[in-house]
C-alpha atoms as a PDB file:
ATOM      1  CA  MET A   1       0.000   0.000   0.000  1.00  0.00           C
ATOM      2  CA  ASN A   2       1.229   3.464  -0.832  1.00  0.00           C
ATOM      3  CA  GLU A   3       2.306   5.812   1.902  1.00  0.00           C
ATOM      4  CA  TYR A   4      -0.185   8.581   2.545  1.00  0.00           C
ATOM      5  CA  THR A   5       0.198  11.780   4.442  1.00  0.00           C
ATOM      6  CA  LYS A   6      -1.954  12.184   7.517  1.00  0.00           C
ATOM      7  CA  TYR A   7      -4.050  14.649   5.525  1.00  0.00           C
ATOM      8  CA  GLU A   8      -4.712  12.178   2.688  1.00  0.00           C
ATOM      9  CA  HIS A   9      -5.546   9.467   5.193  1.00  0.00           C
ATOM     10  CA  ALA A  10      -8.009  11.767   6.973  1.00  0.00           C
ATOM     11  CA  ARG A  11      -9.559  12.891   3.676  1.00  0.00           C
ATOM     12  CA  ILE A  12     -10.178   9.322   2.485  1.00  0.00           C
ATOM     13  CA  ILE A  13     -11.681   8.265   5.821  1.00  0.00           C
ATOM     14  CA  GLY A  14     -13.783  11.429   6.063  1.00  0.00           C
ATOM     15  CA  ALA A  15     -15.115  11.186   2.520  1.00  0.00           C
ATOM     16  CA  ARG A  16     -16.118   7.548   3.005  1.00  0.00           C
ATOM     17  CA  ALA A  17     -17.690   8.276   6.411  1.00  0.00           C
ATOM     18  CA  LEU A  18     -19.794  10.994   4.780  1.00  0.00           C
ATOM     19  CA  GLN A  19     -20.910   8.555   2.080  1.00  0.00           C
ATOM     20  CA  ILE A  20     -21.935   6.017   4.725  1.00  0.00           C
ATOM     21  CA  SER A  21     -23.830   8.637   6.738  1.00  0.00           C
ATOM     22  CA  MET A  22     -25.731   9.622   3.573  1.00  0.00           C
ATOM     23  CA  GLY A  23     -26.921   6.027   3.100  1.00  0.00           C
ATOM     24  CA  ALA A  24     -24.244   4.389   0.959  1.00  0.00           C
ATOM     25  CA  PRO A  25     -24.037   0.618   1.389  1.00  0.00           C
ATOM     26  CA  LEU A  26     -21.316  -0.734   3.662  1.00  0.00           C
ATOM     27  CA  LEU A  27     -18.407  -2.430   1.930  1.00  0.00           C
ATOM     28  CA  VAL A  28     -17.722  -4.718   4.899  1.00  0.00           C
ATOM     29  CA  LYS A  29     -19.958  -7.413   6.281  1.00  0.00           C
ATOM     30  CA  LEU A  30     -20.928  -6.449   9.836  1.00  0.00           C
ATOM     31  CA  ASN A  31     -23.573  -8.103  11.961  1.00  0.00           C
ATOM     32  CA  ASP A  32     -25.695  -6.227  14.501  1.00  0.00           C
ATOM     33  CA  GLU A  33     -23.350  -7.092  17.369  1.00  0.00           C
ATOM     34  CA  GLU A  34     -20.316  -5.664  15.555  1.00  0.00           C
ATOM     35  CA  LEU A  35     -22.235  -2.508  14.634  1.00  0.00           C
ATOM     36  CA  LYS A  36     -23.232  -2.019  18.279  1.00  0.00           C
ATOM     37  CA  ARG A  37     -19.600  -2.531  19.343  1.00  0.00           C
ATOM     38  CA  LEU A  38     -18.576   0.217  16.888  1.00  0.00           C
ATOM     39  CA  GLY A  39     -21.429   2.366  18.172  1.00  0.00           C
ATOM     40  CA  TYR A  40     -22.818   2.772  14.642  1.00  0.00           C
ATOM     41  CA  ASN A  41     -20.002   5.312  14.173  1.00  0.00           C
ATOM     42  CA  THR A  42     -19.502   5.977  10.459  1.00  0.00           C
ATOM     43  CA  VAL A  43     -15.887   7.079  10.946  1.00  0.00           C
ATOM     44  CA  GLU A  44     -15.017   3.790  12.668  1.00  0.00           C
ATOM     45  CA  ILE A  45     -16.735   1.838   9.889  1.00  0.00           C
ATOM     46  CA  ALA A  46     -14.789   3.838   7.274  1.00  0.00           C
ATOM     47  CA  LYS A  47     -11.519   3.140   9.133  1.00  0.00           C
ATOM     48  CA  LEU A  48     -12.334  -0.560   9.105  1.00  0.00           C
ATOM     49  CA  GLU A  49     -13.008  -0.433   5.359  1.00  0.00           C
ATOM     50  CA  PHE A  50      -9.760   1.485   4.797  1.00  0.00           C
ATOM     51  CA  ARG A  51      -7.691  -1.057   6.732  1.00  0.00           C
ATOM     52  CA  GLN A  52      -9.208  -3.861   4.645  1.00  0.00           C
ATOM     53  CA  GLY A  53      -8.526  -1.991   1.402  1.00  0.00           C
ATOM     54  CA  LEU A  54     -12.147  -1.797   0.298  1.00  0.00           C
ATOM     55  CA  ILE A  55     -12.519   1.942  -0.297  1.00  0.00           C
ATOM     56  CA  PRO A  56     -12.547   2.698  -4.041  1.00  0.00           C
ATOM     57  CA  ILE A  57     -11.190   6.247  -3.725  1.00  0.00           C
ATOM     58  CA  SER A  58      -8.046   7.434  -5.501  1.00  0.00           C
ATOM     59  CA  ILE A  59      -5.702  10.340  -4.754  1.00  0.00           C
ATOM     60  CA  LYS A  60      -4.303  12.583  -7.494  1.00  0.00           C
ATOM     61  CA  LYS A  61      -0.872  13.856  -6.570  1.00  0.00           C
ATOM     62  CA  PRO A  62       0.730  16.588  -8.680  1.00  0.00           C
ATOM     63  CA  PHE A  63       4.449  16.112  -9.238  1.00  0.00           C
ATOM     64  CA  PRO A  64       7.038  18.621 -10.504  1.00  0.00           C
ATOM     65  CA  GLY A  65       7.169  18.821 -14.286  1.00  0.00           C
ATOM     66  CA  ALA A  66       3.357  18.804 -14.756  1.00  0.00           C
ATOM     67  CA  VAL A  67       3.170  15.015 -14.443  1.00  0.00           C
ATOM     68  CA  LYS A  68       0.215  13.850 -12.373  1.00  0.00           C
ATOM     69  CA  LYS A  69       0.108  10.478 -10.742  1.00  0.00           C
ATOM     70  CA  ASP A  70      -3.090   8.738  -9.661  1.00  0.00           C
ATOM     71  CA  THR A  71      -2.810   6.504  -6.649  1.00  0.00           C
ATOM     72  CA  SER A  72      -5.660   4.445  -5.337  1.00  0.00           C
ATOM     73  CA  ALA A  73      -6.153   3.620  -1.683  1.00  0.00           C
ATOM     74  CA  LYS A  74      -5.707  -0.042  -2.548  1.00  0.00           C
ATOM     75  CA  PRO A  75      -6.838  -2.164  -5.467  1.00  0.00           C
ATOM     76  CA  PHE A  76     -10.564  -2.649  -4.992  1.00  0.00           C
ATOM     77  CA  ASP A  77     -11.304  -6.350  -4.511  1.00  0.00           C
ATOM     78  CA  GLN A  78     -14.990  -7.135  -4.936  1.00  0.00           C
ATOM     79  CA  THR A  79     -14.492 -10.746  -3.867  1.00  0.00           C
ATOM     80  CA  LYS A  80     -14.266  -9.547  -0.251  1.00  0.00           C
ATOM     81  CA  LEU A  81     -17.870  -8.390  -0.488  1.00  0.00           C
ATOM     82  CA  GLU A  82     -19.204 -11.857  -1.212  1.00  0.00           C
END
């Protein structure tokens, strides 16, 4: 996994937490007991998704010389959803 700054890490987690709070489906399988343990906290759910590499969000980093590089949080693996 690529190294992210603390700001990129926070932005990815925050953006995904906002999506979850607006009704987006969860990308991890959690039963009711696990959701209660997390306190239904969208930030904690987003952190869990980030650690498992399920968040399909990419970061565009500008580099000197007008070359832009796209980096994704981690390759999105849909088999983990099944």
